[in-house]
Amino acid sequence: MQKNQSHKKRFYGTANLGEKGQVVIPNDARKDMKLKKGDRLLVFGMGEDMIAFIKLSQIEKIASRLSEKLKMIDDIIKKTK
């Protein structure tokens, strides 16, 4: 995958649901998203027929950045009172 296309939506193929409910993420998707064994993923249901996986490490980064921004906003509000 080219760098300028790395953030675009892409179809990676199909996956089968195993006996124990396991899904194998296609190799190209794992490579593009830098997934490795042991990575923790959050699983979201989207409607009745869609599931989305998000790397837990990305959620932690987003939450950390959001927390920093909220603290800055709180500091600004306190200064204006």
PDB file of N, CA and C in Angstrom:
ATOM      1  N   MET A   1       0.840  -1.184   0.000  1.00  0.00           N
ATOM      2  CA  MET A   1       0.000   0.000   0.000  1.00  0.00           C
ATOM      3  C   MET A   1       0.883   1.245   0.000  1.00  0.00           C
ATOM      4  N   GLN A   2       0.566   2.215  -0.840  1.00  0.00           N
ATOM      5  CA  GLN A   2       1.346   3.432  -0.914  1.00  0.00           C
ATOM      6  C   GLN A   2       1.056   4.321   0.278  1.00  0.00           C
ATOM      7  N   LYS A   3       2.069   5.107   0.677  1.00  0.00           N
ATOM      8  CA  LYS A   3       1.919   5.963   1.847  1.00  0.00           C
ATOM      9  C   LYS A   3       0.763   6.942   1.715  1.00  0.00           C
ATOM     10  N   ASN A   4       0.574   7.522   0.538  1.00  0.00           N
ATOM     11  CA  ASN A   4      -0.494   8.505   0.392  1.00  0.00           C
ATOM     12  C   ASN A   4      -1.878   7.880   0.458  1.00  0.00           C
ATOM     13  N   GLN A   5      -1.963   6.555   0.411  1.00  0.00           N
ATOM     14  CA  GLN A   5      -3.246   5.875   0.512  1.00  0.00           C
ATOM     15  C   GLN A   5      -3.428   5.191   1.862  1.00  0.00           C
ATOM     16  N   SER A   6      -2.474   5.343   2.767  1.00  0.00           N
ATOM     17  CA  SER A   6      -2.489   4.588   4.013  1.00  0.00           C
ATOM     18  C   SER A   6      -3.676   4.920   4.908  1.00  0.00           C
ATOM     19  N   HIS A   7      -4.277   6.100   4.774  1.00  0.00           N
ATOM     20  CA  HIS A   7      -5.384   6.480   5.642  1.00  0.00           C
ATOM     21  C   HIS A   7      -6.734   6.364   4.937  1.00  0.00           C
ATOM     22  N   LYS A   8      -6.733   5.828   3.729  1.00  0.00           N
ATOM     23  CA  LYS A   8      -7.982   5.682   2.998  1.00  0.00           C
ATOM     24  C   LYS A   8      -8.631   4.355   3.354  1.00  0.00           C
ATOM     25  N   LYS A   9      -9.922   4.272   3.112  1.00  0.00           N
ATOM     26  CA  LYS A   9     -10.648   3.031   3.337  1.00  0.00           C
ATOM     27  C   LYS A   9     -10.164   2.001   2.329  1.00  0.00           C
ATOM     28  N   ARG A  10     -10.125   0.755   2.759  1.00  0.00           N
ATOM     29  CA  ARG A  10      -9.635  -0.302   1.884  1.00  0.00           C
ATOM     30  C   ARG A  10     -10.379  -1.590   2.187  1.00  0.00           C
ATOM     31  N   PHE A  11     -10.652  -2.378   1.172  1.00  0.00           N
ATOM     32  CA  PHE A  11     -11.264  -3.685   1.333  1.00  0.00           C
ATOM     33  C   PHE A  11     -10.140  -4.717   1.416  1.00  0.00           C
ATOM     34  N   TYR A  12     -10.143  -5.525   2.468  1.00  0.00           N
ATOM     35  CA  TYR A  12      -9.068  -6.484   2.693  1.00  0.00           C
ATOM     36  C   TYR A  12      -9.449  -7.926   2.372  1.00  0.00           C
ATOM     37  N   GLY A  13     -10.658  -8.184   2.025  1.00  0.00           N
ATOM     38  CA  GLY A  13     -11.064  -9.547   1.713  1.00  0.00           C
ATOM     39  C   GLY A  13     -12.086 -10.041   2.712  1.00  0.00           C
ATOM     40  N   THR A  14     -12.101 -11.339   2.923  1.00  0.00           N
ATOM     41  CA  THR A  14     -13.091 -11.933   3.817  1.00  0.00           C
ATOM     42  C   THR A  14     -12.398 -12.645   4.968  1.00  0.00           C
ATOM     43  N   ALA A  15     -13.186 -12.955   5.998  1.00  0.00           N
ATOM     44  CA  ALA A  15     -12.691 -13.716   7.140  1.00  0.00           C
ATOM     45  C   ALA A  15     -13.809 -14.657   7.568  1.00  0.00           C
ATOM     46  N   ASN A  16     -13.437 -15.800   8.081  1.00  0.00           N
ATOM     47  CA  ASN A  16     -14.414 -16.767   8.576  1.00  0.00           C
ATOM     48  C   ASN A  16     -14.457 -16.741  10.089  1.00  0.00           C
ATOM     49  N   LEU A  17     -15.638 -16.964  10.619  1.00  0.00           N
ATOM     50  CA  LEU A  17     -15.808 -17.075  12.055  1.00  0.00           C
ATOM     51  C   LEU A  17     -15.564 -18.531  12.441  1.00  0.00           C
ATOM     52  N   GLY A  18     -14.574 -18.757  13.333  1.00  0.00           N
ATOM     53  CA  GLY A  18     -14.224 -20.105  13.749  1.00  0.00           C
ATOM     54  C   GLY A  18     -15.167 -20.660  14.806  1.00  0.00           C
ATOM     55  N   GLU A  19     -14.950 -21.906  15.161  1.00  0.00           N
ATOM     56  CA  GLU A  19     -15.787 -22.599  16.150  1.00  0.00           C
ATOM     57  C   GLU A  19     -15.898 -21.841  17.463  1.00  0.00           C
ATOM     58  N   LYS A  20     -14.807 -21.240  17.898  1.00  0.00           N
ATOM     59  CA  LYS A  20     -14.778 -20.542  19.191  1.00  0.00           C
ATOM     60  C   LYS A  20     -15.075 -19.045  19.044  1.00  0.00           C
ATOM     61  N   GLY A  21     -15.591 -18.643  17.894  1.00  0.00           N
ATOM     62  CA  GLY A  21     -15.918 -17.236  17.673  1.00  0.00           C
ATOM     63  C   GLY A  21     -14.730 -16.391  17.270  1.00  0.00           C
ATOM     64  N   GLN A  22     -13.631 -17.026  16.894  1.00  0.00           N
ATOM     65  CA  GLN A  22     -12.431 -16.286  16.519  1.00  0.00           C
ATOM     66  C   GLN A  22     -12.485 -15.860  15.057  1.00  0.00           C
ATOM     67  N   VAL A  23     -11.927 -14.683  14.793  1.00  0.00           N
ATOM     68  CA  VAL A  23     -11.835 -14.158  13.437  1.00  0.00           C
ATOM     69  C   VAL A  23     -10.365 -13.895  13.145  1.00  0.00           C
ATOM     70  N   VAL A  24      -9.898 -14.336  11.986  1.00  0.00           N
ATOM     71  CA  VAL A  24      -8.531 -14.036  11.574  1.00  0.00           C
ATOM     72  C   VAL A  24      -8.575 -12.790  10.697  1.00  0.00           C
ATOM     73  N   ILE A  25      -7.857 -11.763  11.128  1.00  0.00           N
ATOM     74  CA  ILE A  25      -7.788 -10.520  10.355  1.00  0.00           C
ATOM     75  C   ILE A  25      -6.817 -10.747   9.200  1.00  0.00           C
ATOM     76  N   PRO A  26      -7.228 -10.418   7.967  1.00  0.00           N
ATOM     77  CA  PRO A  26      -6.351 -10.640   6.814  1.00  0.00           C
ATOM     78  C   PRO A  26      -4.962 -10.014   7.005  1.00  0.00           C
ATOM     79  N   ASN A  27      -3.960 -10.707   6.477  1.00  0.00           N
ATOM     80  CA  ASN A  27      -2.565 -10.306   6.650  1.00  0.00           C
ATOM     81  C   ASN A  27      -2.302  -8.866   6.206  1.00  0.00           C
ATOM     82  N   ASP A  28      -2.821  -8.458   5.051  1.00  0.00           N
ATOM     83  CA  ASP A  28      -2.585  -7.084   4.577  1.00  0.00           C
ATOM     84  C   ASP A  28      -3.137  -6.057   5.561  1.00  0.00           C
ATOM     85  N   ALA A  29      -4.288  -6.345   6.147  1.00  0.00           N
ATOM     86  CA  ALA A  29      -4.869  -5.430   7.138  1.00  0.00           C
ATOM     87  C   ALA A  29      -3.976  -5.364   8.373  1.00  0.00           C
ATOM     88  N   ARG A  30      -3.476  -6.524   8.822  1.00  0.00           N
ATOM     89  CA  ARG A  30      -2.588  -6.533   9.995  1.00  0.00           C
ATOM     90  C   ARG A  30      -1.323  -5.743   9.721  1.00  0.00           C
ATOM     91  N   LYS A  31      -0.773  -5.886   8.526  1.00  0.00           N
ATOM     92  CA  LYS A  31       0.446  -5.139   8.167  1.00  0.00           C
ATOM     93  C   LYS A  31       0.171  -3.639   8.113  1.00  0.00           C
ATOM     94  N   ASP A  32      -0.879  -3.249   7.383  1.00  0.00           N
ATOM     95  CA  ASP A  32      -1.188  -1.824   7.214  1.00  0.00           C
ATOM     96  C   ASP A  32      -1.476  -1.151   8.550  1.00  0.00           C
ATOM     97  N   MET A  33      -2.108  -1.876   9.452  1.00  0.00           N
ATOM     98  CA  MET A  33      -2.486  -1.305  10.743  1.00  0.00           C
ATOM     99  C   MET A  33      -1.486  -1.615  11.848  1.00  0.00           C
ATOM    100  N   LYS A  34      -0.384  -2.244  11.429  1.00  0.00           N
ATOM    101  CA  LYS A  34       0.706  -2.569  12.356  1.00  0.00           C
ATOM    102  C   LYS A  34       0.203  -3.359  13.565  1.00  0.00           C
ATOM    103  N   LEU A  35      -0.672  -4.332  13.301  1.00  0.00           N
ATOM    104  CA  LEU A  35      -1.180  -5.201  14.356  1.00  0.00           C
ATOM    105  C   LEU A  35      -0.203  -6.339  14.573  1.00  0.00           C
ATOM    106  N   LYS A  36       0.007  -6.694  15.817  1.00  0.00           N
ATOM    107  CA  LYS A  36       0.884  -7.824  16.114  1.00  0.00           C
ATOM    108  C   LYS A  36       0.250  -8.692  17.198  1.00  0.00           C
ATOM    109  N   LYS A  37       0.753  -9.880  17.324  1.00  0.00           N
ATOM    110  CA  LYS A  37       0.224 -10.822  18.307  1.00  0.00           C
ATOM    111  C   LYS A  37       0.203 -10.168  19.689  1.00  0.00           C
ATOM    112  N   GLY A  38      -0.911 -10.305  20.370  1.00  0.00           N
ATOM    113  CA  GLY A  38      -1.036  -9.752  21.712  1.00  0.00           C
ATOM    114  C   GLY A  38      -1.643  -8.354  21.767  1.00  0.00           C
ATOM    115  N   ASP A  39      -1.743  -7.663  20.611  1.00  0.00           N
ATOM    116  CA  ASP A  39      -2.382  -6.343  20.613  1.00  0.00           C
ATOM    117  C   ASP A  39      -3.821  -6.486  21.100  1.00  0.00           C
ATOM    118  N   ARG A  40      -4.246  -5.541  21.918  1.00  0.00           N
ATOM    119  CA  ARG A  40      -5.624  -5.559  22.427  1.00  0.00           C
ATOM    120  C   ARG A  40      -6.478  -4.675  21.520  1.00  0.00           C
ATOM    121  N   LEU A  41      -7.630  -5.191  21.165  1.00  0.00           N
ATOM    122  CA  LEU A  41      -8.547  -4.474  20.292  1.00  0.00           C
ATOM    123  C   LEU A  41      -9.875  -4.263  20.998  1.00  0.00           C
ATOM    124  N   LEU A  42     -10.441  -3.086  20.831  1.00  0.00           N
ATOM    125  CA  LEU A  42     -11.802  -2.852  21.283  1.00  0.00           C
ATOM    126  C   LEU A  42     -12.719  -3.289  20.151  1.00  0.00           C
ATOM    127  N   VAL A  43     -13.842  -3.888  20.500  1.00  0.00           N
ATOM    128  CA  VAL A  43     -14.780  -4.390  19.501  1.00  0.00           C
ATOM    129  C   VAL A  43     -16.105  -3.651  19.676  1.00  0.00           C
ATOM    130  N   PHE A  44     -16.547  -2.989  18.615  1.00  0.00           N
ATOM    131  CA  PHE A  44     -17.787  -2.232  18.640  1.00  0.00           C
ATOM    132  C   PHE A  44     -18.795  -2.845  17.683  1.00  0.00           C
ATOM    133  N   GLY A  45     -20.037  -2.937  18.112  1.00  0.00           N
ATOM    134  CA  GLY A  45     -21.116  -3.308  17.217  1.00  0.00           C
ATOM    135  C   GLY A  45     -21.667  -2.042  16.597  1.00  0.00           C
ATOM    136  N   MET A  46     -21.847  -2.078  15.299  1.00  0.00           N
ATOM    137  CA  MET A  46     -22.352  -0.906  14.587  1.00  0.00           C
ATOM    138  C   MET A  46     -23.586  -1.353  13.810  1.00  0.00           C
ATOM    139  N   GLY A  47     -24.741  -1.082  14.383  1.00  0.00           N
ATOM    140  CA  GLY A  47     -25.968  -1.579  13.776  1.00  0.00           C
ATOM    141  C   GLY A  47     -26.095  -3.066  14.078  1.00  0.00           C
ATOM    142  N   GLU A  48     -26.917  -3.738  13.315  1.00  0.00           N
ATOM    143  CA  GLU A  48     -27.147  -5.161  13.549  1.00  0.00           C
ATOM    144  C   GLU A  48     -26.131  -6.064  12.861  1.00  0.00           C
ATOM    145  N   ASP A  49     -25.466  -5.566  11.823  1.00  0.00           N
ATOM    146  CA  ASP A  49     -24.650  -6.439  10.992  1.00  0.00           C
ATOM    147  C   ASP A  49     -23.209  -5.980  10.784  1.00  0.00           C
ATOM    148  N   MET A  50     -22.711  -5.089  11.641  1.00  0.00           N
ATOM    149  CA  MET A  50     -21.355  -4.595  11.434  1.00  0.00           C
ATOM    150  C   MET A  50     -20.586  -4.595  12.750  1.00  0.00           C
ATOM    151  N   ILE A  51     -19.322  -4.995  12.664  1.00  0.00           N
ATOM    152  CA  ILE A  51     -18.418  -4.981  13.811  1.00  0.00           C
ATOM    153  C   ILE A  51     -17.184  -4.179  13.411  1.00  0.00           C
ATOM    154  N   ALA A  52     -16.695  -3.344  14.331  1.00  0.00           N
ATOM    155  CA  ALA A  52     -15.474  -2.569  14.091  1.00  0.00           C
ATOM    156  C   ALA A  52     -14.465  -2.874  15.182  1.00  0.00           C
ATOM    157  N   PHE A  53     -13.209  -3.021  14.790  1.00  0.00           N
ATOM    158  CA  PHE A  53     -12.108  -3.231  15.723  1.00  0.00           C
ATOM    159  C   PHE A  53     -11.254  -1.967  15.761  1.00  0.00           C
ATOM    160  N   ILE A  54     -10.858  -1.560  16.961  1.00  0.00           N
ATOM    161  CA  ILE A  54      -9.973  -0.403  17.119  1.00  0.00           C
ATOM    162  C   ILE A  54      -8.873  -0.798  18.099  1.00  0.00           C
ATOM    163  N   LYS A  55      -7.629  -0.466  17.755  1.00  0.00           N
ATOM    164  CA  LYS A  55      -6.525  -0.783  18.658  1.00  0.00           C
ATOM    165  C   LYS A  55      -6.694  -0.019  19.965  1.00  0.00           C
ATOM    166  N   LEU A  56      -6.621  -0.734  21.067  1.00  0.00           N
ATOM    167  CA  LEU A  56      -6.767  -0.117  22.383  1.00  0.00           C
ATOM    168  C   LEU A  56      -5.715   0.969  22.579  1.00  0.00           C
ATOM    169  N   SER A  57      -4.514   0.748  22.083  1.00  0.00           N
ATOM    170  CA  SER A  57      -3.450   1.749  22.247  1.00  0.00           C
ATOM    171  C   SER A  57      -3.831   3.075  21.600  1.00  0.00           C
ATOM    172  N   GLN A  58      -4.592   3.046  20.513  1.00  0.00           N
ATOM    173  CA  GLN A  58      -5.019   4.292  19.863  1.00  0.00           C
ATOM    174  C   GLN A  58      -6.055   5.019  20.706  1.00  0.00           C
ATOM    175  N   ILE A  59      -6.953   4.284  21.325  1.00  0.00           N
ATOM    176  CA  ILE A  59      -7.959   4.893  22.187  1.00  0.00           C
ATOM    177  C   ILE A  59      -7.268   5.553  23.379  1.00  0.00           C
ATOM    178  N   GLU A  60      -6.255   4.875  23.930  1.00  0.00           N
ATOM    179  CA  GLU A  60      -5.520   5.446  25.062  1.00  0.00           C
ATOM    180  C   GLU A  60      -4.829   6.743  24.662  1.00  0.00           C
ATOM    181  N   LYS A  61      -4.256   6.807  23.455  1.00  0.00           N
ATOM    182  CA  LYS A  61      -3.605   8.026  22.974  1.00  0.00           C
ATOM    183  C   LYS A  61      -4.619   9.149  22.800  1.00  0.00           C
ATOM    184  N   ILE A  62      -5.770   8.812  22.214  1.00  0.00           N
ATOM    185  CA  ILE A  62      -6.815   9.814  22.000  1.00  0.00           C
ATOM    186  C   ILE A  62      -7.305  10.346  23.342  1.00  0.00           C
ATOM    187  N   ALA A  63      -7.546   9.453  24.293  1.00  0.00           N
ATOM    188  CA  ALA A  63      -8.028   9.863  25.613  1.00  0.00           C
ATOM    189  C   ALA A  63      -7.004  10.754  26.309  1.00  0.00           C
ATOM    190  N   SER A  64      -5.728  10.418  26.175  1.00  0.00           N
ATOM    191  CA  SER A  64      -4.677  11.217  26.796  1.00  0.00           C
ATOM    192  C   SER A  64      -4.634  12.625  26.199  1.00  0.00           C
ATOM    193  N   ARG A  65      -4.703  12.703  24.870  1.00  0.00           N
ATOM    194  CA  ARG A  65      -4.691  14.016  24.206  1.00  0.00           C
ATOM    195  C   ARG A  65      -5.924  14.824  24.592  1.00  0.00           C
ATOM    196  N   LEU A  66      -7.074  14.165  24.640  1.00  0.00           N
ATOM    197  CA  LEU A  66      -8.304  14.841  25.009  1.00  0.00           C
ATOM    198  C   LEU A  66      -8.220  15.360  26.442  1.00  0.00           C
ATOM    199  N   SER A  67      -7.661  14.566  27.336  1.00  0.00           N
ATOM    200  CA  SER A  67      -7.499  14.973  28.722  1.00  0.00           C
ATOM    201  C   SER A  67      -6.619  16.219  28.824  1.00  0.00           C
ATOM    202  N   GLU A  68      -5.524  16.247  28.054  1.00  0.00           N
ATOM    203  CA  GLU A  68      -4.643  17.412  28.045  1.00  0.00           C
ATOM    204  C   GLU A  68      -5.387  18.662  27.560  1.00  0.00           C
ATOM    205  N   LYS A  69      -6.162  18.507  26.493  1.00  0.00           N
ATOM    206  CA  LYS A  69      -6.906  19.646  25.941  1.00  0.00           C
ATOM    207  C   LYS A  69      -7.962  20.130  26.928  1.00  0.00           C
ATOM    208  N   LEU A  70      -8.658  19.197  27.593  1.00  0.00           N
ATOM    209  CA  LEU A  70      -9.667  19.584  28.574  1.00  0.00           C
ATOM    210  C   LEU A  70      -9.042  20.326  29.746  1.00  0.00           C
ATOM    211  N   LYS A  71      -7.845  19.911  30.154  1.00  0.00           N
ATOM    212  CA  LYS A  71      -7.155  20.614  31.243  1.00  0.00           C
ATOM    213  C   LYS A  71      -6.805  22.035  30.815  1.00  0.00           C
ATOM    214  N   MET A  72      -6.346  22.186  29.582  1.00  0.00           N
ATOM    215  CA  MET A  72      -6.029  23.524  29.072  1.00  0.00           C
ATOM    216  C   MET A  72      -7.278  24.405  29.063  1.00  0.00           C
ATOM    217  N   ILE A  73      -8.387  23.864  28.612  1.00  0.00           N
ATOM    218  CA  ILE A  73      -9.646  24.612  28.577  1.00  0.00           C
ATOM    219  C   ILE A  73     -10.080  24.992  29.987  1.00  0.00           C
ATOM    220  N   ASP A  74      -9.962  24.039  30.906  1.00  0.00           N
ATOM    221  CA  ASP A  74     -10.311  24.299  32.304  1.00  0.00           C
ATOM    222  C   ASP A  74      -9.447  25.414  32.879  1.00  0.00           C
ATOM    223  N   ASP A  75      -8.142  25.397  32.590  1.00  0.00           N
ATOM    224  CA  ASP A  75      -7.244  26.457  33.057  1.00  0.00           C
ATOM    225  C   ASP A  75      -7.640  27.827  32.498  1.00  0.00           C
ATOM    226  N   ILE A  76      -8.018  27.857  31.228  1.00  0.00           N
ATOM    227  CA  ILE A  76      -8.446  29.109  30.609  1.00  0.00           C
ATOM    228  C   ILE A  76      -9.711  29.629  31.256  1.00  0.00           C
ATOM    229  N   ILE A  77     -10.666  28.730  31.494  1.00  0.00           N
ATOM    230  CA  ILE A  77     -11.925  29.121  32.144  1.00  0.00           C
ATOM    231  C   ILE A  77     -11.659  29.679  33.531  1.00  0.00           C
ATOM    232  N   LYS A  78     -10.772  29.039  34.302  1.00  0.00           N
ATOM    233  CA  LYS A  78     -10.460  29.510  35.651  1.00  0.00           C
ATOM    234  C   LYS A  78      -9.832  30.899  35.629  1.00  0.00           C
ATOM    235  N   LYS A  79      -9.001  31.174  34.616  1.00  0.00           N
ATOM    236  CA  LYS A  79      -8.341  32.477  34.506  1.00  0.00           C
ATOM    237  C   LYS A  79      -9.314  33.594  34.133  1.00  0.00           C
ATOM    238  N   THR A  80     -10.396  33.245  33.437  1.00  0.00           N
ATOM    239  CA  THR A  80     -11.351  34.269  32.990  1.00  0.00           C
ATOM    240  C   THR A  80     -12.419  34.584  34.028  1.00  0.00           C
ATOM    241  N   LYS A  81     -12.442  33.842  35.135  1.00  0.00           N
ATOM    242  CA  LYS A  81     -13.463  34.086  36.171  1.00  0.00           C
ATOM    243  C   LYS A  81     -13.053  35.232  37.058  1.00  0.00           C
TER     244      LYS A  81
END
